[in-house]
Amino acid sequence: MSTLIHPTALVDPKAKLGENVEIGPYCILGPHVQIGDNCRLHGQVQIMGHTEIGAECEIYPFAVLGAPPQDFKYANDPTRLIVGEKNIIREQVTFHIGTAFARGQTVIGSNSFFMVGAHVGHDCIVGDGVVFANNATLGGEVTVEDKVIMGGLSAIHQKCRVGKHAFIGGGAPVTGDVIPYGMVDNHGQLAGLNLVGLKRRGFGRDCIHDLRAAYRLIFALEGAFSERVEDAARIFAERPEVGEILAFIKAPAARPLCMPEK
């Protein structure tokens, strides 16, 4: 099948379209847009700015991708939005380009599902295999690692990090960094590990047992936090998943850790 462009669509002659692309009615594509092979834009989709969409993405009506960032310092800089392959982008989803004063680009991975009204702000980095439920929102410069699930109406504060395989509860206001494999409750507080997700994704019993033990040690009430982190590093030195949590905790960060309720 060759590329199909509905007669009501407005596609700038400078836009670059791959093979077997379908552009539905009333879509608008700007001059700096690139669309990969086998993408489908259902209709009334607008893609603007310096935006690159990977192959086999499916984009539903009223999605707007590549709009300018919602930041007063933005001055029409030629920053970018890069979206990977095989993403499902539902109605009214918005992805913004980056800013010259931060990362310069917003980058979204592959094989992800963005439900109605999800928003990715400027300069965010989003990994592969994520799920954003309805109206899940990222502020600017947020990093979301692979396999994260965000519940409906949840919101991540600007410059936060969310580690791989984490689960964010519906409606949660997240103002701190969420450890890999962590679970955040509906009030925005760390509430243990994403055990259901770990089991569904094939993590073994021994691995989950060690992760739970390490979590209890790291977030215990006794002793200094730094000492508990070092104890976990020593006790679980052979468990790479625990090592990922500890590396995340020790990494430079703009925000404090999301912590359990005391």
Protein backbone atom coordinates (compact mmCIF):
# COMPACT_ATOMS: atom_id res chain seq x y z
CA MET A 1 0.00 0.00 0.00
CA SER A 2 1.33 3.44 -0.87
CA THR A 3 1.02 6.49 1.34
CA LEU A 4 -2.56 7.78 1.57
CA ILE A 5 -3.32 11.42 2.31
CA HIS A 6 -6.95 12.46 2.71
CA PRO A 7 -7.83 15.41 0.45
CA THR A 8 -8.80 17.55 3.46
CA ALA A 9 -5.43 17.07 5.20
CA LEU A 10 -2.88 19.91 5.10
CA VAL A 11 0.59 18.40 4.73
CA ASP A 12 3.42 20.83 4.16
CA PRO A 13 5.43 19.90 1.03
CA LYS A 14 8.61 19.89 3.13
CA ALA A 15 7.28 17.29 5.59
CA LYS A 16 8.91 13.88 5.19
CA LEU A 17 6.62 10.85 5.08
CA GLY A 18 7.71 7.22 5.13
CA GLU A 19 6.22 4.33 3.22
CA ASN A 20 2.62 3.20 3.76
CA VAL A 21 1.67 6.20 5.88
CA GLU A 22 -2.02 7.02 6.24
CA ILE A 23 -2.96 10.64 6.91
CA GLY A 24 -6.64 10.98 7.80
CA PRO A 25 -9.06 13.87 7.28
CA TYR A 26 -8.22 17.35 8.54
CA CYS A 27 -4.74 16.45 9.79
CA ILE A 28 -2.13 19.24 9.77
CA LEU A 29 1.60 18.51 9.38
CA GLY A 30 4.21 21.26 9.47
CA PRO A 31 7.35 21.63 7.35
CA HIS A 32 9.77 20.15 9.90
CA VAL A 33 7.79 16.98 10.58
CA GLN A 34 9.04 13.46 9.84
CA ILE A 35 6.69 10.47 9.92
CA GLY A 36 8.05 6.91 9.89
CA ASP A 37 6.84 3.97 7.83
CA ASN A 38 3.41 2.43 8.44
CA CYS A 39 2.15 5.21 10.72
CA ARG A 40 -1.56 5.96 10.84
CA LEU A 41 -3.03 9.34 11.74
CA HIS A 42 -6.75 8.79 12.17
CA GLY A 43 -7.86 12.35 11.53
CA GLN A 44 -7.71 15.85 12.98
CA VAL A 45 -4.19 15.25 14.28
CA GLN A 46 -1.78 18.18 14.35
CA ILE A 47 1.98 17.62 14.28
CA MET A 48 4.11 20.73 14.37
CA GLY A 49 7.61 21.93 15.21
CA HIS A 50 10.75 19.90 14.62
CA THR A 51 9.08 16.57 15.31
CA GLU A 52 10.10 13.04 14.37
CA ILE A 53 7.63 10.16 14.71
CA GLY A 54 8.97 6.59 14.49
CA ALA A 55 7.52 3.76 12.43
CA GLU A 56 4.18 2.03 13.12
CA CYS A 57 2.74 4.65 15.45
CA GLU A 58 -1.03 5.06 15.60
CA ILE A 59 -2.28 8.54 16.46
CA TYR A 60 -5.91 9.33 17.23
CA PRO A 61 -7.98 12.51 16.67
CA PHE A 62 -7.12 15.80 18.33
CA ALA A 63 -3.64 14.73 19.43
CA VAL A 64 -1.22 17.67 19.17
CA LEU A 65 2.46 16.73 18.97
CA GLY A 66 5.40 19.11 18.80
CA ALA A 67 3.71 22.26 20.11
CA PRO A 68 5.89 24.88 21.84
CA PRO A 69 6.66 24.35 25.53
CA GLN A 70 4.51 26.07 28.13
CA ASP A 71 7.40 28.09 29.50
CA PHE A 72 7.68 31.88 29.42
CA LYS A 73 11.42 31.65 28.68
CA TYR A 74 10.86 29.85 25.37
CA ALA A 75 11.83 32.09 22.42
CA ASN A 76 10.89 30.09 19.30
CA ASP A 77 14.08 28.04 19.48
CA PRO A 78 14.32 25.16 16.94
CA THR A 79 14.17 22.48 19.63
CA ARG A 80 12.83 19.00 18.97
CA LEU A 81 10.39 16.23 19.79
CA ILE A 82 11.51 12.68 19.04
CA VAL A 83 8.98 9.83 19.35
CA GLY A 84 9.95 6.18 18.93
CA GLU A 85 8.22 3.30 17.18
CA LYS A 86 4.99 1.37 17.74
CA ASN A 87 3.35 3.83 20.10
CA ILE A 88 -0.42 4.18 20.49
CA ILE A 89 -1.30 7.83 21.06
CA ARG A 90 -4.95 8.35 21.85
CA GLU A 91 -7.26 11.35 21.62
CA GLN A 92 -6.12 14.75 22.90
CA VAL A 93 -2.64 13.61 23.88
CA THR A 94 -0.06 16.42 23.89
CA PHE A 95 3.74 16.14 23.60
CA HIS A 96 5.78 19.38 23.68
CA ILE A 97 9.17 20.08 22.16
CA GLY A 98 12.21 20.83 24.32
CA THR A 99 13.78 24.13 25.30
CA ALA A 100 17.18 25.63 24.54
CA PHE A 101 17.82 26.26 28.26
CA ALA A 102 17.32 22.60 29.26
CA ARG A 103 17.80 19.39 27.24
CA GLY A 104 16.89 20.85 23.85
CA GLN A 105 14.57 17.99 23.03
CA THR A 106 11.76 15.87 24.38
CA VAL A 107 12.38 12.17 23.79
CA ILE A 108 9.76 9.42 24.00
CA GLY A 109 10.60 5.74 23.54
CA SER A 110 8.81 2.91 21.77
CA ASN A 111 6.04 0.36 22.37
CA SER A 112 4.06 2.59 24.72
CA PHE A 113 0.41 3.46 25.24
CA PHE A 114 -0.67 7.03 25.94
CA MET A 115 -4.38 7.17 26.80
CA VAL A 116 -6.79 10.07 26.32
CA GLY A 117 -5.47 13.45 27.44
CA ALA A 118 -2.00 12.32 28.57
CA HIS A 119 0.61 15.08 28.53
CA VAL A 120 4.41 15.03 28.26
CA GLY A 121 5.95 18.42 28.98
CA HIS A 122 9.08 20.00 27.53
CA ASP A 123 12.47 18.31 27.82
CA CYS A 124 11.07 15.09 29.27
CA ILE A 125 12.71 11.72 28.65
CA VAL A 126 10.29 8.79 28.56
CA GLY A 127 11.47 5.19 28.18
CA ASP A 128 10.05 2.17 26.39
CA GLY A 129 6.95 0.18 27.24
CA VAL A 130 5.28 2.76 29.44
CA VAL A 131 1.55 3.20 29.99
CA PHE A 132 0.03 6.61 30.73
CA ALA A 133 -3.63 6.31 31.70
CA ASN A 134 -6.13 9.10 30.99
CA ASN A 135 -4.81 12.60 31.76
CA ALA A 136 -1.55 11.41 33.30
CA THR A 137 0.79 14.40 33.18
CA LEU A 138 4.52 15.10 33.24
CA GLY A 139 5.90 18.54 34.08
CA GLY A 140 8.99 19.80 32.30
CA GLU A 141 12.32 17.93 32.43
CA VAL A 142 10.88 14.78 33.99
CA THR A 143 12.59 11.43 33.37
CA VAL A 144 10.42 8.31 33.25
CA GLU A 145 12.28 5.04 32.77
CA ASP A 146 11.14 1.84 31.01
CA LYS A 147 7.95 -0.07 31.90
CA VAL A 148 6.47 2.60 34.17
CA ILE A 149 2.69 2.71 34.57
CA MET A 150 1.02 6.01 35.45
CA GLY A 151 -2.55 5.92 36.72
CA GLY A 152 -5.23 8.27 35.47
CA LEU A 153 -4.95 11.92 36.58
CA SER A 154 -1.54 11.33 38.17
CA ALA A 155 0.97 14.15 37.84
CA ILE A 156 4.77 14.23 38.14
CA HIS A 157 6.39 17.48 39.29
CA GLN A 158 8.97 19.07 37.01
CA LYS A 159 12.51 17.65 37.11
CA CYS A 160 11.47 14.49 38.97
CA ARG A 161 12.69 11.01 38.06
CA VAL A 162 10.61 7.84 37.98
CA GLY A 163 12.59 4.59 37.99
CA LYS A 164 11.94 1.57 35.79
CA HIS A 165 8.98 -0.73 36.52
CA ALA A 166 7.44 1.79 38.94
CA PHE A 167 3.68 2.18 39.35
CA ILE A 168 2.06 5.55 40.04
CA GLY A 169 -1.44 5.39 41.53
CA GLY A 170 -4.38 7.21 40.00
CA GLY A 171 -4.62 10.87 40.93
CA ALA A 172 -1.25 10.84 42.70
CA PRO A 173 0.61 14.17 43.03
CA VAL A 174 4.26 13.06 42.81
CA THR A 175 6.77 15.69 43.97
CA GLY A 176 9.82 13.49 44.54
CA ASP A 177 11.88 10.85 42.73
CA VAL A 178 10.32 7.38 42.64
CA ILE A 179 12.73 4.46 43.03
CA PRO A 180 12.84 1.69 40.41
CA TYR A 181 10.23 -1.02 41.11
CA GLY A 182 8.46 1.33 43.54
CA MET A 183 4.72 1.83 43.97
CA VAL A 184 3.24 5.24 44.75
CA ASP A 185 -0.20 5.38 46.34
CA ASN A 186 -3.02 7.73 45.40
CA HIS A 187 -1.74 10.34 47.85
CA GLY A 188 1.70 10.58 46.24
CA GLN A 189 3.65 8.63 48.84
CA LEU A 190 5.85 5.58 48.37
CA ALA A 191 3.87 2.52 49.45
CA GLY A 192 6.14 -0.43 48.80
CA LEU A 193 7.10 -2.23 45.62
CA ASN A 194 5.16 -2.83 42.43
CA LEU A 195 4.79 -6.50 43.28
CA VAL A 196 1.94 -7.19 40.87
CA GLY A 197 3.92 -5.70 38.01
CA LEU A 198 7.05 -7.63 38.94
CA LYS A 199 5.18 -10.93 38.96
CA ARG A 200 3.45 -10.20 35.66
CA ARG A 201 6.77 -9.36 34.04
CA GLY A 202 8.40 -12.61 35.06
CA PHE A 203 10.63 -11.60 37.95
CA GLY A 204 11.43 -14.71 39.97
CA ARG A 205 10.49 -15.42 43.58
CA ASP A 206 14.08 -15.06 44.85
CA CYS A 207 14.47 -11.71 43.10
CA ILE A 208 11.21 -10.37 44.53
CA HIS A 209 12.12 -11.68 48.00
CA ASP A 210 15.44 -9.81 47.90
CA LEU A 211 13.82 -6.64 46.60
CA ARG A 212 11.29 -6.70 49.44
CA ALA A 213 13.99 -7.30 52.04
CA ALA A 214 16.13 -4.51 50.63
CA TYR A 215 13.15 -2.15 50.60
CA ARG A 216 12.39 -2.87 54.25
CA LEU A 217 16.01 -2.22 55.16
CA ILE A 218 16.43 0.98 53.15
CA PHE A 219 13.22 2.56 54.42
CA ALA A 220 13.35 1.31 58.00
CA LEU A 221 12.82 3.82 60.81
CA GLU A 222 16.00 2.96 62.72
CA GLY A 223 19.41 4.45 61.97
CA ALA A 224 20.66 6.93 59.40
CA PHE A 225 19.35 6.64 55.85
CA SER A 226 22.86 6.70 54.35
CA GLU A 227 23.92 3.84 56.62
CA ARG A 228 20.91 1.76 55.63
CA VAL A 229 21.73 2.32 51.95
CA GLU A 230 25.29 1.11 52.49
CA ASP A 231 24.05 -1.91 54.44
CA ALA A 232 21.76 -2.83 51.56
CA ALA A 233 24.64 -2.48 49.09
CA ARG A 234 26.71 -4.90 51.15
CA ILE A 235 23.99 -7.45 51.90
CA PHE A 236 22.52 -7.55 48.37
CA ALA A 237 25.70 -7.09 46.38
CA GLU A 238 24.80 -10.06 44.16
CA ARG A 239 21.32 -8.78 43.29
CA PRO A 240 21.50 -6.35 40.32
CA GLU A 241 17.91 -5.18 40.76
CA VAL A 242 18.73 -3.92 44.25
CA GLY A 243 21.84 -2.33 42.80
CA GLU A 244 19.62 -0.39 40.38
CA ILE A 245 17.62 1.03 43.28
CA LEU A 246 20.76 2.01 45.16
CA ALA A 247 22.34 3.62 42.08
CA PHE A 248 19.12 5.59 41.54
CA ILE A 249 19.20 6.81 45.16
CA LYS A 250 22.85 7.85 44.91
CA ALA A 251 22.58 9.60 41.53
CA PRO A 252 22.54 13.41 41.35
CA ALA A 253 18.97 14.68 41.55
CA ALA A 254 17.01 17.92 41.49
CA ARG A 255 14.26 16.54 43.73
CA PRO A 256 14.19 14.59 47.01
CA LEU A 257 13.13 10.97 47.10
CA CYS A 258 9.48 10.08 47.26
CA MET A 259 9.28 8.48 50.71
CA PRO A 260 6.83 6.27 52.63
CA GLU A 261 4.39 7.84 55.05
CA LYS A 262 5.87 7.93 58.52
